[in-house]
Each structure stands twice: as structure tokens, then as C-alpha cells.
Amino acid sequence: MRFMIPRLILHVDGRASGDRLLDLADEVSELSPREVILEVPDLPDDQLGKIAMFMGIVSPESAVKVCGLKAGQVRALFHLGIDPGDILVGRWSPR
């Protein structure tokens, strides 16, 4: 029997985090969480492409959502092909 994580929350912070996040993409896919939440407060704009790449790698296996974006970053992710339904407004918090 394979263990499955229902929800994985990754806090992405800082300039180098985008590179580390891409390194984790395959491992996250193998865990097969049903949902992955990327919390990205204070992420520099030049890292948004890496966030979009991570979402593209992991999304065939899991529902990937991103939150904690600044206003201009939302539009940039739209232009990078991220579906509006995959962007959560504000910060993630458990219910």
C-alpha cells in the first residue's frame, strides 16, 4: 500500500528558493499529494517563472495552488500560463 499525503504546504521565501523548489518538483510528484499549496510571500518577481515551472511539473499529479502573491505578480503568472483558479488571494491558512 502506498502512503499518500493529502495536502503539502511549501513556504517559498527568498531569491534562491525558486531553484530549490524546482529541485523538489520530482520528489513532490512522487509523494502524490492531492493538493500542493505554495505560499510565496516576499518572492522577487524574477522567481515567478520558476514558480510557474514547478506548478507545471507537479500539476499533472496534484492540484497546485499558489498564495501570498503581490498584485502585479498575479498578472505575471497569468501571462506565464497559470490558470486563475490556481491562484489563491491572500495567504493560506488552515480552516
N, C-alpha and C. Protein backbone atom coordinates (compact mmCIF):
# COMPACT_ATOMS: atom_id res chain seq x y z
N MET A 1 0.85 -1.18 0.00
CA MET A 1 0.00 0.00 0.00
C MET A 1 0.89 1.24 0.00
N ARG A 2 0.55 2.19 -0.82
CA ARG A 2 1.34 3.41 -0.95
C ARG A 2 0.75 4.51 -0.06
N PHE A 3 1.60 5.16 0.68
CA PHE A 3 1.19 6.27 1.55
C PHE A 3 1.00 7.52 0.71
N MET A 4 -0.06 8.26 0.98
CA MET A 4 -0.31 9.48 0.23
C MET A 4 -0.58 10.64 1.19
N ILE A 5 0.08 11.75 0.93
CA ILE A 5 -0.12 12.97 1.73
C ILE A 5 -1.29 13.73 1.12
N PRO A 6 -2.33 14.06 1.89
CA PRO A 6 -3.47 14.76 1.30
C PRO A 6 -3.16 16.21 0.91
N ARG A 7 -2.37 16.90 1.71
CA ARG A 7 -2.05 18.31 1.41
C ARG A 7 -0.62 18.60 1.84
N LEU A 8 0.12 19.20 0.95
CA LEU A 8 1.50 19.58 1.23
C LEU A 8 1.60 21.09 1.06
N ILE A 9 2.07 21.78 2.11
CA ILE A 9 2.21 23.23 2.07
C ILE A 9 3.69 23.56 2.06
N LEU A 10 4.13 24.28 1.04
CA LEU A 10 5.53 24.67 0.91
C LEU A 10 5.64 26.18 1.02
N HIS A 11 6.41 26.63 1.97
CA HIS A 11 6.67 28.06 2.14
C HIS A 11 7.91 28.40 1.33
N VAL A 12 7.75 29.24 0.33
CA VAL A 12 8.85 29.61 -0.57
C VAL A 12 9.23 31.05 -0.26
N ASP A 13 10.47 31.26 0.15
CA ASP A 13 10.89 32.59 0.55
C ASP A 13 12.32 32.85 0.08
N GLY A 14 12.55 34.01 -0.45
CA GLY A 14 13.90 34.42 -0.81
C GLY A 14 14.27 34.18 -2.26
N ARG A 15 15.36 34.77 -2.66
CA ARG A 15 15.81 34.77 -4.05
C ARG A 15 16.18 33.38 -4.56
N ALA A 16 16.83 32.55 -3.76
CA ALA A 16 17.29 31.24 -4.22
C ALA A 16 16.23 30.16 -4.09
N SER A 17 15.10 30.47 -3.49
CA SER A 17 14.09 29.45 -3.24
C SER A 17 13.50 28.87 -4.51
N GLY A 18 13.43 29.65 -5.57
CA GLY A 18 12.88 29.14 -6.83
C GLY A 18 13.70 27.98 -7.36
N ASP A 19 15.02 28.08 -7.29
CA ASP A 19 15.89 26.98 -7.73
C ASP A 19 15.70 25.74 -6.86
N ARG A 20 15.64 25.93 -5.57
CA ARG A 20 15.44 24.79 -4.66
C ARG A 20 14.07 24.16 -4.88
N LEU A 21 13.09 24.97 -5.16
CA LEU A 21 11.74 24.46 -5.41
C LEU A 21 11.73 23.57 -6.65
N LEU A 22 12.42 23.98 -7.70
CA LEU A 22 12.49 23.15 -8.90
C LEU A 22 13.19 21.83 -8.62
N ASP A 23 14.19 21.86 -7.75
CA ASP A 23 14.88 20.62 -7.38
C ASP A 23 13.93 19.65 -6.66
N LEU A 24 12.93 20.19 -5.97
CA LEU A 24 11.98 19.36 -5.22
C LEU A 24 10.81 18.86 -6.05
N ALA A 25 10.62 19.38 -7.25
CA ALA A 25 9.41 19.09 -8.03
C ALA A 25 9.19 17.60 -8.24
N ASP A 26 10.22 16.87 -8.61
CA ASP A 26 10.06 15.43 -8.84
C ASP A 26 9.72 14.69 -7.55
N GLU A 27 10.36 15.09 -6.45
CA GLU A 27 10.07 14.45 -5.17
C GLU A 27 8.64 14.72 -4.73
N VAL A 28 8.19 15.95 -4.93
CA VAL A 28 6.80 16.29 -4.57
C VAL A 28 5.84 15.46 -5.41
N SER A 29 6.13 15.30 -6.70
CA SER A 29 5.28 14.48 -7.57
C SER A 29 5.21 13.04 -7.08
N GLU A 30 6.32 12.50 -6.61
CA GLU A 30 6.36 11.12 -6.13
C GLU A 30 5.53 10.93 -4.86
N LEU A 31 5.45 11.98 -4.03
CA LEU A 31 4.63 11.90 -2.82
C LEU A 31 3.14 11.85 -3.14
N SER A 32 2.78 12.34 -4.31
CA SER A 32 1.39 12.36 -4.80
C SER A 32 0.40 12.99 -3.84
N PRO A 33 0.72 14.17 -3.32
CA PRO A 33 -0.30 14.83 -2.52
C PRO A 33 -1.48 15.22 -3.41
N ARG A 34 -2.67 15.19 -2.87
CA ARG A 34 -3.82 15.62 -3.65
C ARG A 34 -3.76 17.12 -3.92
N GLU A 35 -3.17 17.85 -2.97
CA GLU A 35 -3.12 19.30 -3.11
C GLU A 35 -1.76 19.80 -2.62
N VAL A 36 -1.18 20.70 -3.38
CA VAL A 36 0.06 21.37 -3.00
C VAL A 36 -0.24 22.86 -2.94
N ILE A 37 0.08 23.47 -1.81
CA ILE A 37 -0.09 24.91 -1.63
C ILE A 37 1.30 25.53 -1.59
N LEU A 38 1.56 26.46 -2.48
CA LEU A 38 2.81 27.22 -2.46
C LEU A 38 2.52 28.56 -1.83
N GLU A 39 3.12 28.82 -0.69
CA GLU A 39 2.97 30.11 -0.02
C GLU A 39 4.22 30.92 -0.36
N VAL A 40 4.05 32.01 -1.09
CA VAL A 40 5.20 32.73 -1.65
C VAL A 40 5.25 34.22 -1.24
N PRO A 41 5.19 34.53 0.04
CA PRO A 41 5.30 35.94 0.42
C PRO A 41 6.73 36.44 0.17
N ASP A 42 6.84 37.67 -0.21
CA ASP A 42 8.14 38.32 -0.40
C ASP A 42 9.00 37.66 -1.48
N LEU A 43 8.38 37.00 -2.43
CA LEU A 43 9.13 36.37 -3.51
C LEU A 43 9.45 37.43 -4.58
N PRO A 44 10.71 37.54 -4.99
CA PRO A 44 11.06 38.50 -6.04
C PRO A 44 10.39 38.13 -7.36
N ASP A 45 10.07 39.14 -8.15
CA ASP A 45 9.39 38.92 -9.43
C ASP A 45 10.18 38.01 -10.36
N ASP A 46 11.50 38.05 -10.29
CA ASP A 46 12.30 37.23 -11.21
C ASP A 46 12.23 35.73 -10.89
N GLN A 47 11.57 35.36 -9.81
CA GLN A 47 11.40 33.94 -9.45
C GLN A 47 10.04 33.38 -9.90
N LEU A 48 9.18 34.22 -10.46
CA LEU A 48 7.84 33.77 -10.83
C LEU A 48 7.86 32.70 -11.92
N GLY A 49 8.80 32.79 -12.83
CA GLY A 49 8.92 31.77 -13.87
C GLY A 49 9.19 30.39 -13.28
N LYS A 50 9.97 30.35 -12.22
CA LYS A 50 10.28 29.08 -11.56
C LYS A 50 9.06 28.54 -10.82
N ILE A 51 8.27 29.44 -10.27
CA ILE A 51 7.02 29.02 -9.63
C ILE A 51 6.11 28.40 -10.68
N ALA A 52 5.98 29.05 -11.83
CA ALA A 52 5.14 28.53 -12.91
C ALA A 52 5.67 27.18 -13.41
N MET A 53 6.99 27.03 -13.52
CA MET A 53 7.57 25.76 -13.95
C MET A 53 7.27 24.66 -12.94
N PHE A 54 7.42 24.95 -11.65
CA PHE A 54 7.10 23.97 -10.60
C PHE A 54 5.64 23.54 -10.72
N MET A 55 4.75 24.51 -10.88
CA MET A 55 3.33 24.20 -10.97
C MET A 55 3.05 23.31 -12.18
N GLY A 56 3.73 23.57 -13.28
CA GLY A 56 3.56 22.74 -14.47
C GLY A 56 4.07 21.32 -14.29
N ILE A 57 5.16 21.16 -13.57
CA ILE A 57 5.74 19.83 -13.34
C ILE A 57 4.85 19.01 -12.40
N VAL A 58 4.36 19.63 -11.34
CA VAL A 58 3.65 18.91 -10.30
C VAL A 58 2.15 18.78 -10.58
N SER A 59 1.57 19.68 -11.35
CA SER A 59 0.11 19.72 -11.52
C SER A 59 -0.50 18.48 -12.18
N PRO A 60 0.20 17.71 -13.03
CA PRO A 60 -0.45 16.50 -13.53
C PRO A 60 -0.77 15.49 -12.43
N GLU A 61 -0.01 15.52 -11.34
CA GLU A 61 -0.22 14.59 -10.22
C GLU A 61 -1.09 15.18 -9.11
N SER A 62 -1.07 16.50 -8.95
CA SER A 62 -1.71 17.16 -7.80
C SER A 62 -2.35 18.47 -8.22
N ALA A 63 -3.31 18.91 -7.42
CA ALA A 63 -3.85 20.25 -7.60
C ALA A 63 -2.87 21.21 -6.94
N VAL A 64 -2.29 22.12 -7.70
CA VAL A 64 -1.28 23.04 -7.16
C VAL A 64 -1.89 24.44 -7.12
N LYS A 65 -1.82 25.05 -5.96
CA LYS A 65 -2.32 26.41 -5.76
C LYS A 65 -1.18 27.27 -5.24
N VAL A 66 -1.22 28.56 -5.55
CA VAL A 66 -0.20 29.49 -5.07
C VAL A 66 -0.90 30.64 -4.34
N CYS A 67 -0.32 31.09 -3.24
CA CYS A 67 -0.90 32.20 -2.49
C CYS A 67 0.22 33.08 -1.96
N GLY A 68 -0.16 34.26 -1.47
CA GLY A 68 0.81 35.20 -0.91
C GLY A 68 1.45 36.10 -1.94
N LEU A 69 0.86 36.17 -3.12
CA LEU A 69 1.43 36.99 -4.20
C LEU A 69 1.13 38.47 -4.02
N LYS A 70 2.00 39.30 -4.56
CA LYS A 70 1.72 40.73 -4.66
C LYS A 70 0.84 40.95 -5.89
N ALA A 71 0.15 42.09 -5.95
CA ALA A 71 -0.82 42.35 -7.01
C ALA A 71 -0.23 42.18 -8.42
N GLY A 72 0.91 42.73 -8.71
CA GLY A 72 1.49 42.62 -10.03
C GLY A 72 1.94 41.21 -10.37
N GLN A 73 2.23 40.42 -9.36
CA GLN A 73 2.68 39.04 -9.59
C GLN A 73 1.54 38.16 -10.08
N VAL A 74 0.33 38.47 -9.68
CA VAL A 74 -0.83 37.70 -10.15
C VAL A 74 -0.93 37.81 -11.67
N ARG A 75 -0.87 39.00 -12.18
CA ARG A 75 -0.95 39.22 -13.63
C ARG A 75 0.22 38.53 -14.34
N ALA A 76 1.41 38.59 -13.76
CA ALA A 76 2.57 37.95 -14.37
C ALA A 76 2.37 36.44 -14.46
N LEU A 77 1.80 35.82 -13.44
CA LEU A 77 1.55 34.38 -13.50
C LEU A 77 0.49 34.04 -14.55
N PHE A 78 -0.50 34.91 -14.73
CA PHE A 78 -1.48 34.70 -15.81
C PHE A 78 -0.75 34.63 -17.14
N HIS A 79 0.17 35.56 -17.36
CA HIS A 79 0.93 35.61 -18.62
C HIS A 79 1.85 34.41 -18.78
N LEU A 80 2.22 33.77 -17.68
CA LEU A 80 3.06 32.58 -17.72
C LEU A 80 2.24 31.30 -17.89
N GLY A 81 0.92 31.45 -18.03
CA GLY A 81 0.05 30.31 -18.29
C GLY A 81 -0.60 29.67 -17.08
N ILE A 82 -0.51 30.32 -15.93
CA ILE A 82 -1.15 29.77 -14.73
C ILE A 82 -2.63 30.13 -14.75
N ASP A 83 -3.46 29.14 -14.53
CA ASP A 83 -4.91 29.32 -14.54
C ASP A 83 -5.33 30.18 -13.34
N PRO A 84 -6.26 31.12 -13.55
CA PRO A 84 -6.71 31.95 -12.42
C PRO A 84 -7.23 31.14 -11.24
N GLY A 85 -7.80 29.98 -11.49
CA GLY A 85 -8.31 29.14 -10.42
C GLY A 85 -7.22 28.53 -9.55
N ASP A 86 -5.98 28.63 -9.99
CA ASP A 86 -4.86 28.10 -9.22
C ASP A 86 -4.18 29.15 -8.35
N ILE A 87 -4.73 30.36 -8.35
CA ILE A 87 -4.17 31.45 -7.55
C ILE A 87 -5.14 31.78 -6.43
N LEU A 88 -4.65 31.67 -5.21
CA LEU A 88 -5.45 32.00 -4.03
C LEU A 88 -5.12 33.42 -3.61
N VAL A 89 -6.12 34.20 -3.31
CA VAL A 89 -5.91 35.58 -2.90
C VAL A 89 -5.58 35.60 -1.41
N GLY A 90 -4.55 36.35 -1.05
CA GLY A 90 -4.15 36.43 0.36
C GLY A 90 -3.20 35.32 0.71
N ARG A 91 -3.15 35.02 1.98
CA ARG A 91 -2.27 33.97 2.49
C ARG A 91 -3.10 32.74 2.83
N TRP A 92 -2.46 31.58 2.75
CA TRP A 92 -3.15 30.35 3.09
C TRP A 92 -3.24 30.22 4.60
N SER A 93 -4.35 29.70 5.06
CA SER A 93 -4.47 29.39 6.48
C SER A 93 -5.36 28.16 6.61
N PRO A 94 -5.06 27.31 7.57
CA PRO A 94 -5.92 26.14 7.76
C PRO A 94 -7.30 26.57 8.22
N ARG A 95 -8.29 25.83 7.86
CA ARG A 95 -9.68 26.20 8.21
C ARG A 95 -9.99 25.96 9.62
